[in-house]
Amino acid sequence: MFTDIINNMKGQLTGELQSKYNLEPEKADKSVDLAKDNLMDEMKNRASSGDFGGIMDVLKGNKGATESTAVNGAIQRYVGDLTTKLGIPASVANQIGPFVMTFIMNKFSNKVTSEGMGQSDIMSSLIGGGIKDSITKGLGGKLGGMFK
């Protein structure tokens, strides 16, 4: 679902990046893909370490996106990727990072709120079966080792 939401808003977001930050269409498109990758990586890392509360606070509207250490971590890596992978000047990338991540998190938060999703629904939609399986298998392996 997370990927679907980003794909559905990608046109709007790339348009915003082109008009607000004068990005070329190709760079705007690639920057949205980088944002998705960075945010997904951060969420997977947080979920696998059991530290999903900060993301939940944002998705439930209890915190703004830039108030979350999880989202800020994704923003910092994203800004780095914008400069190194797309050649966007750091001064512009530092503006784009918070804008794009806040835009994405607000869209996802609206979906969570409108559908009344719980934490397990959100985690499933964010991290999908493959990551969810690796997390639970990893935990199961660790716990199973305790009883041998």
C-alpha atoms as a PDB file:
ATOM      1  CA  MET A   1       0.000   0.000   0.000  1.00  0.00           C
ATOM      2  CA  PHE A   2       2.836   2.413   0.810  1.00  0.00           C
ATOM      3  CA  THR A   3       4.293   1.992  -2.667  1.00  0.00           C
ATOM      4  CA  ASP A   4       0.816   2.427  -4.190  1.00  0.00           C
ATOM      5  CA  ILE A   5       0.327   5.702  -2.329  1.00  0.00           C
ATOM      6  CA  ILE A   6       3.676   7.019  -3.550  1.00  0.00           C
ATOM      7  CA  ASN A   7       2.981   5.887  -7.106  1.00  0.00           C
ATOM      8  CA  ASN A   8      -0.440   7.603  -7.003  1.00  0.00           C
ATOM      9  CA  MET A   9       1.008  10.907  -5.805  1.00  0.00           C
ATOM     10  CA  LYS A  10       4.229  10.768  -7.814  1.00  0.00           C
ATOM     11  CA  GLY A  11       2.904  12.993 -10.601  1.00  0.00           C
ATOM     12  CA  GLN A  12       1.744  15.637  -8.158  1.00  0.00           C
ATOM     13  CA  LEU A  13       4.983  15.491  -6.179  1.00  0.00           C
ATOM     14  CA  THR A  14       7.238  15.650  -9.241  1.00  0.00           C
ATOM     15  CA  GLY A  15       5.212  18.645 -10.442  1.00  0.00           C
ATOM     16  CA  GLU A  16       5.732  20.361  -7.078  1.00  0.00           C
ATOM     17  CA  LEU A  17       9.475  19.670  -7.242  1.00  0.00           C
ATOM     18  CA  GLN A  18       9.674  21.097 -10.745  1.00  0.00           C
ATOM     19  CA  SER A  19       7.769  24.263  -9.896  1.00  0.00           C
ATOM     20  CA  LYS A  20       9.114  24.967  -6.374  1.00  0.00           C
ATOM     21  CA  TYR A  21      12.722  23.863  -6.815  1.00  0.00           C
ATOM     22  CA  ASN A  22      13.194  24.136 -10.594  1.00  0.00           C
ATOM     23  CA  LEU A  23      14.150  20.484 -10.949  1.00  0.00           C
ATOM     24  CA  GLU A  24      14.277  18.961 -14.394  1.00  0.00           C
ATOM     25  CA  PRO A  25      11.474  16.389 -14.919  1.00  0.00           C
ATOM     26  CA  GLU A  26      13.888  13.440 -14.874  1.00  0.00           C
ATOM     27  CA  LYS A  27      15.572  14.589 -11.644  1.00  0.00           C
ATOM     28  CA  ALA A  28      12.194  15.273 -10.034  1.00  0.00           C
ATOM     29  CA  ASP A  29      11.041  11.763 -10.928  1.00  0.00           C
ATOM     30  CA  LYS A  30      14.228  10.133  -9.647  1.00  0.00           C
ATOM     31  CA  SER A  31      14.122  12.198  -6.474  1.00  0.00           C
ATOM     32  CA  VAL A  32      10.700  10.769  -5.587  1.00  0.00           C
ATOM     33  CA  ASP A  33      12.061   7.247  -6.111  1.00  0.00           C
ATOM     34  CA  LEU A  34      15.004   8.045  -3.842  1.00  0.00           C
ATOM     35  CA  ALA A  35      12.643   9.386  -1.192  1.00  0.00           C
ATOM     36  CA  LYS A  36      10.581   6.203  -1.315  1.00  0.00           C
ATOM     37  CA  ASP A  37      13.705   4.042  -1.029  1.00  0.00           C
ATOM     38  CA  ASN A  38      15.125   6.030   1.886  1.00  0.00           C
ATOM     39  CA  LEU A  39      11.838   6.092   3.769  1.00  0.00           C
ATOM     40  CA  MET A  40      11.213   2.387   3.206  1.00  0.00           C
ATOM     41  CA  ASP A  41      14.732   1.512   4.357  1.00  0.00           C
ATOM     42  CA  GLU A  42      14.300   3.583   7.510  1.00  0.00           C
ATOM     43  CA  MET A  43      10.927   2.013   8.279  1.00  0.00           C
ATOM     44  CA  LYS A  44      12.255  -1.500   7.695  1.00  0.00           C
ATOM     45  CA  ASN A  45      15.200  -0.826   9.996  1.00  0.00           C
ATOM     46  CA  ARG A  46      12.940   0.619  12.683  1.00  0.00           C
ATOM     47  CA  ALA A  47      10.446  -2.217  12.412  1.00  0.00           C
ATOM     48  CA  SER A  48      13.118  -4.911  12.520  1.00  0.00           C
ATOM     49  CA  SER A  49      14.659  -3.363  15.626  1.00  0.00           C
ATOM     50  CA  GLY A  50      11.246  -3.007  17.303  1.00  0.00           C
ATOM     51  CA  ASP A  51      11.470   0.795  17.261  1.00  0.00           C
ATOM     52  CA  PHE A  52       8.326   1.599  15.326  1.00  0.00           C
ATOM     53  CA  GLY A  53       6.745   4.032  17.814  1.00  0.00           C
ATOM     54  CA  GLY A  54       8.184   7.195  16.269  1.00  0.00           C
ATOM     55  CA  ILE A  55       6.805   6.343  12.855  1.00  0.00           C
ATOM     56  CA  MET A  56       3.451   5.443  14.370  1.00  0.00           C
ATOM     57  CA  ASP A  57       3.318   8.846  16.092  1.00  0.00           C
ATOM     58  CA  VAL A  58       3.728  10.533  12.714  1.00  0.00           C
ATOM     59  CA  LEU A  59       1.240   8.272  10.937  1.00  0.00           C
ATOM     60  CA  LYS A  60      -1.374   8.775  13.643  1.00  0.00           C
ATOM     61  CA  GLY A  61      -0.884  12.545  13.538  1.00  0.00           C
ATOM     62  CA  ASN A  62       0.628  12.806  17.036  1.00  0.00           C
ATOM     63  CA  LYS A  63       3.865  14.305  15.656  1.00  0.00           C
ATOM     64  CA  GLY A  64       4.869  16.194  12.563  1.00  0.00           C
ATOM     65  CA  ALA A  65       7.128  14.326  10.149  1.00  0.00           C
ATOM     66  CA  THR A  66      10.197  16.427  10.959  1.00  0.00           C
ATOM     67  CA  GLU A  67       9.634  15.884  14.710  1.00  0.00           C
ATOM     68  CA  SER A  68      10.346  12.167  14.310  1.00  0.00           C
ATOM     69  CA  THR A  69      13.894  10.850  14.635  1.00  0.00           C
ATOM     70  CA  ALA A  70      12.965   8.066  12.201  1.00  0.00           C
ATOM     71  CA  VAL A  71      11.812  10.477   9.508  1.00  0.00           C
ATOM     72  CA  ASN A  72      14.719  12.833  10.183  1.00  0.00           C
ATOM     73  CA  GLY A  73      17.118   9.928   9.698  1.00  0.00           C
ATOM     74  CA  ALA A  74      15.512   9.200   6.345  1.00  0.00           C
ATOM     75  CA  ILE A  75      15.647  12.905   5.429  1.00  0.00           C
ATOM     76  CA  GLN A  76      19.387  13.110   6.127  1.00  0.00           C
ATOM     77  CA  ARG A  77      20.178  10.070   3.975  1.00  0.00           C
ATOM     78  CA  TYR A  78      17.813  11.353   1.289  1.00  0.00           C
ATOM     79  CA  VAL A  79      19.529  14.753   1.193  1.00  0.00           C
ATOM     80  CA  GLY A  80      22.854  12.960   0.804  1.00  0.00           C
ATOM     81  CA  ASP A  81      21.471  10.863  -2.056  1.00  0.00           C
ATOM     82  CA  LEU A  82      20.042  13.925  -3.789  1.00  0.00           C
ATOM     83  CA  THR A  83      23.460  15.549  -3.846  1.00  0.00           C
ATOM     84  CA  THR A  84      25.596  12.492  -4.619  1.00  0.00           C
ATOM     85  CA  LYS A  85      23.315  10.520  -6.941  1.00  0.00           C
ATOM     86  CA  LEU A  86      21.450  13.326  -8.702  1.00  0.00           C
ATOM     87  CA  GLY A  87      23.933  16.196  -8.422  1.00  0.00           C
ATOM     88  CA  ILE A  88      21.439  18.537  -6.760  1.00  0.00           C
ATOM     89  CA  PRO A  89      23.205  21.341  -4.852  1.00  0.00           C
ATOM     90  CA  ALA A  90      23.236  20.796  -1.072  1.00  0.00           C
ATOM     91  CA  SER A  91      21.415  24.085  -0.457  1.00  0.00           C
ATOM     92  CA  VAL A  92      18.502  22.903  -2.628  1.00  0.00           C
ATOM     93  CA  ALA A  93      18.630  19.301  -1.383  1.00  0.00           C
ATOM     94  CA  ASN A  94      18.333  20.550   2.216  1.00  0.00           C
ATOM     95  CA  GLN A  95      15.042  22.204   1.265  1.00  0.00           C
ATOM     96  CA  ILE A  96      13.728  19.316  -0.827  1.00  0.00           C
ATOM     97  CA  GLY A  97      14.396  16.643   1.810  1.00  0.00           C
ATOM     98  CA  PRO A  98      11.977  17.814   4.506  1.00  0.00           C
ATOM     99  CA  PHE A  99       9.418  18.939   1.913  1.00  0.00           C
ATOM    100  CA  VAL A 100       9.226  15.572   0.151  1.00  0.00           C
ATOM    101  CA  MET A 101       9.299  13.418   3.298  1.00  0.00           C
ATOM    102  CA  THR A 102       6.618  15.530   4.959  1.00  0.00           C
ATOM    103  CA  PHE A 103       4.499  15.364   1.791  1.00  0.00           C
ATOM    104  CA  ILE A 104       4.749  11.563   1.652  1.00  0.00           C
ATOM    105  CA  MET A 105       4.161  11.028   5.373  1.00  0.00           C
ATOM    106  CA  ASN A 106       1.127  13.346   5.327  1.00  0.00           C
ATOM    107  CA  LYS A 107      -0.413  11.386   2.457  1.00  0.00           C
ATOM    108  CA  PHE A 108       0.206   8.092   4.197  1.00  0.00           C
ATOM    109  CA  SER A 109      -1.056   9.490   7.504  1.00  0.00           C
ATOM    110  CA  ASN A 110      -4.281  10.604   5.816  1.00  0.00           C
ATOM    111  CA  LYS A 111      -4.748   7.070   4.475  1.00  0.00           C
ATOM    112  CA  VAL A 112      -4.081   5.552   7.917  1.00  0.00           C
ATOM    113  CA  THR A 113      -6.562   7.917   9.556  1.00  0.00           C
ATOM    114  CA  SER A 114      -9.292   7.538   6.935  1.00  0.00           C
ATOM    115  CA  GLU A 115      -9.110   3.742   7.046  1.00  0.00           C
ATOM    116  CA  GLY A 116      -8.673   3.479  10.817  1.00  0.00           C
ATOM    117  CA  MET A 117      -5.630   1.255  10.426  1.00  0.00           C
ATOM    118  CA  GLY A 118      -3.979  -0.310  13.472  1.00  0.00           C
ATOM    119  CA  GLN A 119      -0.257  -0.808  14.010  1.00  0.00           C
ATOM    120  CA  SER A 120      -0.190  -4.337  12.582  1.00  0.00           C
ATOM    121  CA  ASP A 121      -2.065  -3.169   9.462  1.00  0.00           C
ATOM    122  CA  ILE A 122       0.356  -0.304   9.041  1.00  0.00           C
ATOM    123  CA  MET A 123       3.411  -2.473   9.499  1.00  0.00           C
ATOM    124  CA  SER A 124       2.091  -4.984   6.984  1.00  0.00           C
ATOM    125  CA  SER A 125       1.396  -2.280   4.432  1.00  0.00           C
ATOM    126  CA  LEU A 126       4.761  -0.596   4.995  1.00  0.00           C
ATOM    127  CA  ILE A 127       7.096  -3.512   5.200  1.00  0.00           C
ATOM    128  CA  GLY A 128       5.220  -6.202   3.326  1.00  0.00           C
ATOM    129  CA  GLY A 129       5.409  -9.927   3.720  1.00  0.00           C
ATOM    130  CA  GLY A 130       9.060 -10.418   2.834  1.00  0.00           C
ATOM    131  CA  ILE A 131      10.397  -8.068   5.455  1.00  0.00           C
ATOM    132  CA  LYS A 132       7.772  -9.080   7.968  1.00  0.00           C
ATOM    133  CA  ASP A 133       8.745 -12.732   7.491  1.00  0.00           C
ATOM    134  CA  SER A 134      12.446 -11.989   7.895  1.00  0.00           C
ATOM    135  CA  ILE A 135      11.763 -10.046  11.101  1.00  0.00           C
ATOM    136  CA  THR A 136       9.608 -12.759  12.633  1.00  0.00           C
ATOM    137  CA  LYS A 137      11.944 -15.552  11.494  1.00  0.00           C
ATOM    138  CA  GLY A 138      14.892 -13.644  12.894  1.00  0.00           C
ATOM    139  CA  LEU A 139      13.149 -13.203  16.223  1.00  0.00           C
ATOM    140  CA  GLY A 140      11.969 -16.799  16.174  1.00  0.00           C
ATOM    141  CA  GLY A 141      15.495 -18.001  15.554  1.00  0.00           C
ATOM    142  CA  LYS A 142      16.815 -15.908  18.419  1.00  0.00           C
ATOM    143  CA  LEU A 143      14.066 -17.028  20.763  1.00  0.00           C
ATOM    144  CA  GLY A 144      14.304 -20.636  19.595  1.00  0.00           C
ATOM    145  CA  GLY A 145      17.978 -20.650  20.447  1.00  0.00           C
ATOM    146  CA  MET A 146      17.112 -19.807  24.018  1.00  0.00           C
ATOM    147  CA  PHE A 147      15.213 -23.044  24.475  1.00  0.00           C
ATOM    148  CA  LYS A 148      17.795 -25.483  23.049  1.00  0.00           C
END
